[in-house]
């Protein structure tokens, strides 16, 4: 007899016990939720880009595949180019406020630095 069966038998023998939560924890929680990740930093970078500006988003804890999906969504919503590599997303141009608005709408915590 495993411990769950033993617990159920104990509950059956003691009907005056208050009802508790299910003894098995819920393992179906979404671990890929934006709320489970730390705050993202959004900043402007000009160096090494031939004078052109780029908005960088750092602080991601996703793998490269998931990062590419998020970057594609942002690029499409903003109508600009960009890339995702090395744990950062790069968006062409100075789009810090727009990126912050879209990330907040997607459920991420972000700040402009």
N, C-alpha and C. Protein backbone atom coordinates (compact mmCIF):
# COMPACT_ATOMS: atom_id res chain seq x y z
N UNK A 1 0.85 -1.16 0.00
CA UNK A 1 0.00 0.00 0.00
C UNK A 1 0.90 1.24 0.00
N UNK A 2 0.60 2.18 -0.91
CA UNK A 2 1.40 3.39 -0.95
C UNK A 2 0.86 4.40 0.06
N UNK A 3 1.53 5.52 0.19
CA UNK A 3 1.16 6.49 1.22
C UNK A 3 -0.18 7.17 0.95
N UNK A 4 -0.56 7.31 -0.35
CA UNK A 4 -1.86 7.91 -0.65
C UNK A 4 -3.01 7.00 -0.20
N UNK A 5 -2.86 5.70 -0.45
CA UNK A 5 -3.86 4.75 -0.01
C UNK A 5 -3.93 4.69 1.51
N UNK A 6 -2.77 4.77 2.14
CA UNK A 6 -2.71 4.77 3.59
C UNK A 6 -3.39 6.01 4.17
N UNK A 7 -3.16 7.15 3.55
CA UNK A 7 -3.80 8.40 3.98
C UNK A 7 -5.32 8.33 3.80
N UNK A 8 -5.76 7.79 2.67
CA UNK A 8 -7.20 7.67 2.43
C UNK A 8 -7.84 6.74 3.45
N UNK A 9 -7.16 5.66 3.77
CA UNK A 9 -7.68 4.73 4.76
C UNK A 9 -7.77 5.42 6.12
N UNK A 10 -6.78 6.24 6.46
CA UNK A 10 -6.81 6.98 7.71
C UNK A 10 -7.98 7.96 7.74
N UNK A 11 -8.23 8.63 6.62
CA UNK A 11 -9.35 9.57 6.53
C UNK A 11 -10.69 8.83 6.67
N UNK A 12 -10.78 7.66 6.05
CA UNK A 12 -12.02 6.87 6.13
C UNK A 12 -12.30 6.42 7.55
N UNK A 13 -11.24 6.11 8.31
CA UNK A 13 -11.41 5.64 9.68
C UNK A 13 -11.64 6.79 10.66
N UNK A 14 -11.39 8.02 10.25
CA UNK A 14 -11.56 9.20 11.10
C UNK A 14 -12.43 10.23 10.38
N UNK A 15 -13.74 10.04 10.34
CA UNK A 15 -14.61 10.93 9.57
C UNK A 15 -14.73 12.33 10.18
N UNK A 16 -14.33 12.53 11.43
CA UNK A 16 -14.45 13.85 12.05
C UNK A 16 -13.29 14.78 11.69
N UNK A 17 -12.33 14.31 10.93
CA UNK A 17 -11.22 15.17 10.49
C UNK A 17 -11.72 16.20 9.48
N UNK A 18 -11.21 17.43 9.58
CA UNK A 18 -11.63 18.43 8.59
C UNK A 18 -11.07 18.10 7.21
N UNK A 19 -11.81 18.50 6.20
CA UNK A 19 -11.35 18.27 4.83
C UNK A 19 -10.16 19.17 4.54
N UNK A 20 -9.14 18.61 3.98
CA UNK A 20 -7.94 19.38 3.64
C UNK A 20 -7.78 19.44 2.14
N UNK A 21 -6.68 20.01 1.74
CA UNK A 21 -6.37 20.07 0.31
C UNK A 21 -5.92 18.71 -0.18
N UNK A 22 -5.93 18.55 -1.47
CA UNK A 22 -5.44 17.33 -2.10
C UNK A 22 -3.98 17.14 -1.71
N UNK A 23 -3.59 15.97 -1.23
CA UNK A 23 -2.20 15.79 -0.79
C UNK A 23 -1.19 15.86 -1.92
N UNK A 24 -1.62 15.62 -3.13
CA UNK A 24 -0.69 15.68 -4.26
C UNK A 24 -0.59 17.12 -4.76
N UNK A 25 0.62 17.68 -4.84
CA UNK A 25 0.75 19.05 -5.32
C UNK A 25 0.42 19.14 -6.80
N UNK A 26 -0.03 20.32 -7.21
CA UNK A 26 -0.37 20.55 -8.61
C UNK A 26 0.92 20.80 -9.39
N UNK A 27 1.29 19.85 -10.23
CA UNK A 27 2.52 19.98 -11.01
C UNK A 27 2.23 20.47 -12.42
N UNK A 28 0.98 20.86 -12.68
CA UNK A 28 0.63 21.32 -14.03
C UNK A 28 0.77 22.83 -14.17
N UNK A 29 1.35 23.50 -13.17
CA UNK A 29 1.51 24.95 -13.23
C UNK A 29 2.41 25.32 -14.40
N UNK A 30 2.11 26.44 -15.01
CA UNK A 30 2.86 26.91 -16.17
C UNK A 30 4.18 27.51 -15.71
N UNK A 31 5.29 26.80 -15.92
CA UNK A 31 6.60 27.29 -15.50
C UNK A 31 7.17 28.27 -16.51
N UNK A 32 6.51 28.45 -17.64
CA UNK A 32 6.98 29.36 -18.68
C UNK A 32 6.22 30.69 -18.62
N UNK A 33 5.54 30.92 -17.53
CA UNK A 33 4.74 32.12 -17.38
C UNK A 33 5.64 33.34 -17.25
N UNK A 34 5.25 34.48 -17.85
CA UNK A 34 6.05 35.70 -17.71
C UNK A 34 6.21 36.15 -16.27
N UNK A 35 5.24 35.85 -15.42
CA UNK A 35 5.31 36.31 -14.04
C UNK A 35 6.35 35.55 -13.23
N UNK A 36 6.84 34.45 -13.73
CA UNK A 36 7.84 33.68 -13.02
C UNK A 36 9.26 34.13 -13.34
N UNK A 37 9.42 35.11 -14.18
CA UNK A 37 10.74 35.56 -14.60
C UNK A 37 11.06 36.91 -14.00
N UNK A 38 12.36 37.20 -13.81
CA UNK A 38 12.73 38.48 -13.21
C UNK A 38 12.45 39.65 -14.14
N UNK A 39 12.65 40.84 -13.63
CA UNK A 39 12.41 42.05 -14.39
C UNK A 39 13.41 42.16 -15.54
N UNK A 40 12.91 42.62 -16.67
CA UNK A 40 13.73 42.80 -17.86
C UNK A 40 14.22 44.24 -17.91
N UNK A 41 15.42 44.44 -18.46
CA UNK A 41 15.98 45.77 -18.61
C UNK A 41 15.95 46.16 -20.09
N UNK A 42 15.43 47.35 -20.36
CA UNK A 42 15.35 47.87 -21.72
C UNK A 42 16.26 49.09 -21.78
N UNK A 43 17.21 49.07 -22.72
CA UNK A 43 18.11 50.21 -22.82
C UNK A 43 18.50 50.46 -24.27
N UNK A 44 19.03 51.67 -24.50
CA UNK A 44 19.42 52.11 -25.83
C UNK A 44 20.91 51.92 -26.00
N UNK A 45 21.31 51.43 -27.17
CA UNK A 45 22.72 51.24 -27.44
C UNK A 45 23.07 51.84 -28.79
N UNK A 46 24.18 52.57 -28.85
CA UNK A 46 24.64 53.18 -30.10
C UNK A 46 26.03 52.69 -30.51
N UNK A 47 26.81 52.25 -29.55
CA UNK A 47 28.20 51.90 -29.82
C UNK A 47 28.32 50.68 -30.73
N UNK A 48 29.23 50.75 -31.69
CA UNK A 48 29.51 49.61 -32.55
C UNK A 48 28.46 49.34 -33.59
N UNK A 49 27.61 50.31 -33.85
CA UNK A 49 26.53 50.10 -34.81
C UNK A 49 26.55 51.14 -35.92
N UNK A 50 27.68 51.77 -36.13
CA UNK A 50 27.80 52.74 -37.21
C UNK A 50 26.93 53.98 -36.99
N UNK A 51 26.71 54.35 -35.74
CA UNK A 51 25.91 55.52 -35.44
C UNK A 51 24.42 55.24 -35.34
N UNK A 52 24.01 54.05 -35.67
CA UNK A 52 22.58 53.70 -35.59
C UNK A 52 22.23 53.25 -34.18
N UNK A 53 20.99 53.50 -33.79
CA UNK A 53 20.56 53.13 -32.44
C UNK A 53 19.83 51.80 -32.46
N UNK A 54 19.90 51.14 -31.33
CA UNK A 54 19.20 49.87 -31.17
C UNK A 54 18.68 49.77 -29.75
N UNK A 55 17.50 49.22 -29.59
CA UNK A 55 16.91 48.98 -28.29
C UNK A 55 17.22 47.54 -27.90
N UNK A 56 17.86 47.37 -26.75
CA UNK A 56 18.22 46.04 -26.27
C UNK A 56 17.36 45.68 -25.06
N UNK A 57 16.94 44.43 -25.02
CA UNK A 57 16.16 43.90 -23.91
C UNK A 57 16.96 42.74 -23.32
N UNK A 58 17.39 42.89 -22.08
CA UNK A 58 18.19 41.84 -21.45
C UNK A 58 17.50 41.36 -20.18
N UNK A 59 17.98 40.22 -19.68
CA UNK A 59 17.43 39.64 -18.46
C UNK A 59 16.56 38.43 -18.71
N UNK A 60 16.55 37.91 -19.92
CA UNK A 60 15.71 36.76 -20.25
C UNK A 60 16.30 35.49 -19.66
N UNK A 61 15.44 34.57 -19.30
CA UNK A 61 15.88 33.26 -18.80
C UNK A 61 15.33 32.14 -19.69
N UNK A 62 14.96 32.46 -20.91
CA UNK A 62 14.43 31.48 -21.85
C UNK A 62 15.54 30.91 -22.71
N UNK A 63 15.26 29.77 -23.34
CA UNK A 63 16.19 29.23 -24.31
C UNK A 63 16.06 30.04 -25.61
N UNK A 64 16.97 29.81 -26.54
CA UNK A 64 17.01 30.61 -27.77
C UNK A 64 15.74 30.45 -28.61
N UNK A 65 15.13 29.28 -28.62
CA UNK A 65 13.91 29.08 -29.39
C UNK A 65 12.77 29.96 -28.91
N UNK A 66 12.55 29.99 -27.60
CA UNK A 66 11.48 30.82 -27.03
C UNK A 66 11.80 32.30 -27.20
N UNK A 67 13.08 32.66 -27.10
CA UNK A 67 13.50 34.04 -27.28
C UNK A 67 13.24 34.51 -28.71
N UNK A 68 13.46 33.64 -29.67
CA UNK A 68 13.19 33.98 -31.07
C UNK A 68 11.70 34.23 -31.30
N UNK A 69 10.84 33.45 -30.63
CA UNK A 69 9.39 33.65 -30.76
C UNK A 69 8.96 35.01 -30.20
N UNK A 70 9.50 35.36 -29.04
CA UNK A 70 9.15 36.64 -28.43
C UNK A 70 9.66 37.79 -29.29
N UNK A 71 10.89 37.65 -29.81
CA UNK A 71 11.46 38.69 -30.67
C UNK A 71 10.63 38.86 -31.94
N UNK A 72 10.18 37.76 -32.53
CA UNK A 72 9.36 37.84 -33.73
C UNK A 72 8.05 38.56 -33.45
N UNK A 73 7.45 38.29 -32.30
CA UNK A 73 6.20 38.96 -31.92
C UNK A 73 6.42 40.46 -31.75
N UNK A 74 7.49 40.83 -31.05
CA UNK A 74 7.77 42.25 -30.85
C UNK A 74 8.07 42.96 -32.16
N UNK A 75 8.87 42.34 -33.01
CA UNK A 75 9.21 42.95 -34.30
C UNK A 75 7.97 43.16 -35.15
N UNK A 76 7.07 42.19 -35.13
CA UNK A 76 5.85 42.30 -35.91
C UNK A 76 4.94 43.41 -35.38
N UNK A 77 4.80 43.49 -34.06
CA UNK A 77 3.95 44.51 -33.47
C UNK A 77 4.50 45.92 -33.68
N UNK A 78 5.83 46.03 -33.67
CA UNK A 78 6.46 47.34 -33.81
C UNK A 78 6.74 47.71 -35.27
N UNK A 79 6.75 46.73 -36.14
CA UNK A 79 7.02 46.98 -37.55
C UNK A 79 8.47 47.35 -37.81
N UNK A 80 9.38 46.72 -37.07
CA UNK A 80 10.81 47.01 -37.22
C UNK A 80 11.59 45.70 -37.33
N UNK A 81 12.87 45.81 -37.59
CA UNK A 81 13.74 44.65 -37.65
C UNK A 81 14.38 44.41 -36.30
N UNK A 82 15.09 43.32 -36.21
CA UNK A 82 15.79 43.00 -34.97
C UNK A 82 16.27 41.58 -34.97
N UNK A 83 16.78 41.14 -33.83
CA UNK A 83 17.29 39.78 -33.71
C UNK A 83 17.25 39.35 -32.25
N UNK A 84 17.50 38.09 -32.03
CA UNK A 84 17.58 37.52 -30.68
C UNK A 84 18.74 36.56 -30.65
N UNK A 85 19.70 36.85 -29.79
CA UNK A 85 20.84 35.95 -29.63
C UNK A 85 21.57 36.28 -28.35
N UNK A 86 22.21 35.29 -27.81
CA UNK A 86 22.99 35.49 -26.59
C UNK A 86 22.18 35.88 -25.38
N UNK A 87 20.91 35.53 -25.35
CA UNK A 87 20.07 35.86 -24.21
C UNK A 87 19.50 37.26 -24.23
N UNK A 88 19.69 38.01 -25.32
CA UNK A 88 19.16 39.37 -25.46
C UNK A 88 18.33 39.47 -26.72
N UNK A 89 17.39 40.42 -26.71
CA UNK A 89 16.63 40.74 -27.91
C UNK A 89 17.02 42.13 -28.34
N UNK A 90 17.34 42.30 -29.62
CA UNK A 90 17.71 43.58 -30.18
C UNK A 90 16.60 44.03 -31.12
N UNK A 91 16.13 45.26 -30.93
CA UNK A 91 15.11 45.86 -31.78
C UNK A 91 15.74 47.10 -32.41
N UNK A 92 15.64 47.24 -33.72
CA UNK A 92 16.25 48.37 -34.40
C UNK A 92 15.54 49.67 -34.05
N UNK A 93 16.35 50.71 -33.82
CA UNK A 93 15.81 52.04 -33.55
C UNK A 93 15.56 52.27 -32.07
N UNK A 94 15.20 53.50 -31.74
CA UNK A 94 14.89 53.88 -30.36
C UNK A 94 13.41 53.63 -30.11
N UNK A 95 13.09 52.45 -29.66
CA UNK A 95 11.70 52.03 -29.41
C UNK A 95 11.51 51.61 -27.96
N UNK A 96 12.22 52.26 -27.05
CA UNK A 96 12.19 51.83 -25.66
C UNK A 96 10.78 51.87 -25.06
N UNK A 97 10.07 52.97 -25.23
CA UNK A 97 8.74 53.08 -24.63
C UNK A 97 7.74 52.11 -25.26
N UNK A 98 7.81 51.95 -26.57
CA UNK A 98 6.90 51.02 -27.25
C UNK A 98 7.17 49.58 -26.81
N UNK A 99 8.46 49.24 -26.69
CA UNK A 99 8.83 47.89 -26.24
C UNK A 99 8.32 47.67 -24.82
N UNK A 100 8.49 48.66 -23.96
CA UNK A 100 8.00 48.55 -22.58
C UNK A 100 6.49 48.33 -22.56
N UNK A 101 5.77 49.10 -23.37
CA UNK A 101 4.31 48.95 -23.42
C UNK A 101 3.90 47.56 -23.87
N UNK A 102 4.56 47.04 -24.91
CA UNK A 102 4.20 45.71 -25.43
C UNK A 102 4.58 44.60 -24.44
N UNK A 103 5.76 44.72 -23.82
CA UNK A 103 6.16 43.70 -22.85
C UNK A 103 5.23 43.69 -21.65
N UNK A 104 4.82 44.86 -21.20
CA UNK A 104 3.89 44.94 -20.08
C UNK A 104 2.55 44.31 -20.46
N UNK A 105 2.11 44.56 -21.68
CA UNK A 105 0.85 43.96 -22.15
C UNK A 105 0.97 42.44 -22.25
N UNK A 106 2.17 41.94 -22.50
CA UNK A 106 2.39 40.50 -22.59
C UNK A 106 2.56 39.85 -21.21
N UNK A 107 2.61 40.67 -20.16
CA UNK A 107 2.69 40.14 -18.80
C UNK A 107 4.08 40.14 -18.18
N UNK A 108 5.06 40.74 -18.83
CA UNK A 108 6.42 40.79 -18.31
C UNK A 108 6.63 42.03 -17.47
N UNK A 109 7.52 41.92 -16.49
CA UNK A 109 7.95 43.09 -15.72
C UNK A 109 9.18 43.63 -16.43
N UNK A 110 9.16 44.92 -16.74
CA UNK A 110 10.30 45.51 -17.44
C UNK A 110 10.47 46.94 -16.98
N UNK A 111 11.68 47.45 -17.20
CA UNK A 111 11.96 48.85 -16.89
C UNK A 111 12.94 49.41 -17.92
N UNK A 112 12.85 50.70 -18.15
CA UNK A 112 13.79 51.38 -19.03
C UNK A 112 14.92 51.91 -18.18
N UNK A 113 16.16 51.58 -18.57
CA UNK A 113 17.31 52.08 -17.82
C UNK A 113 18.21 52.89 -18.72
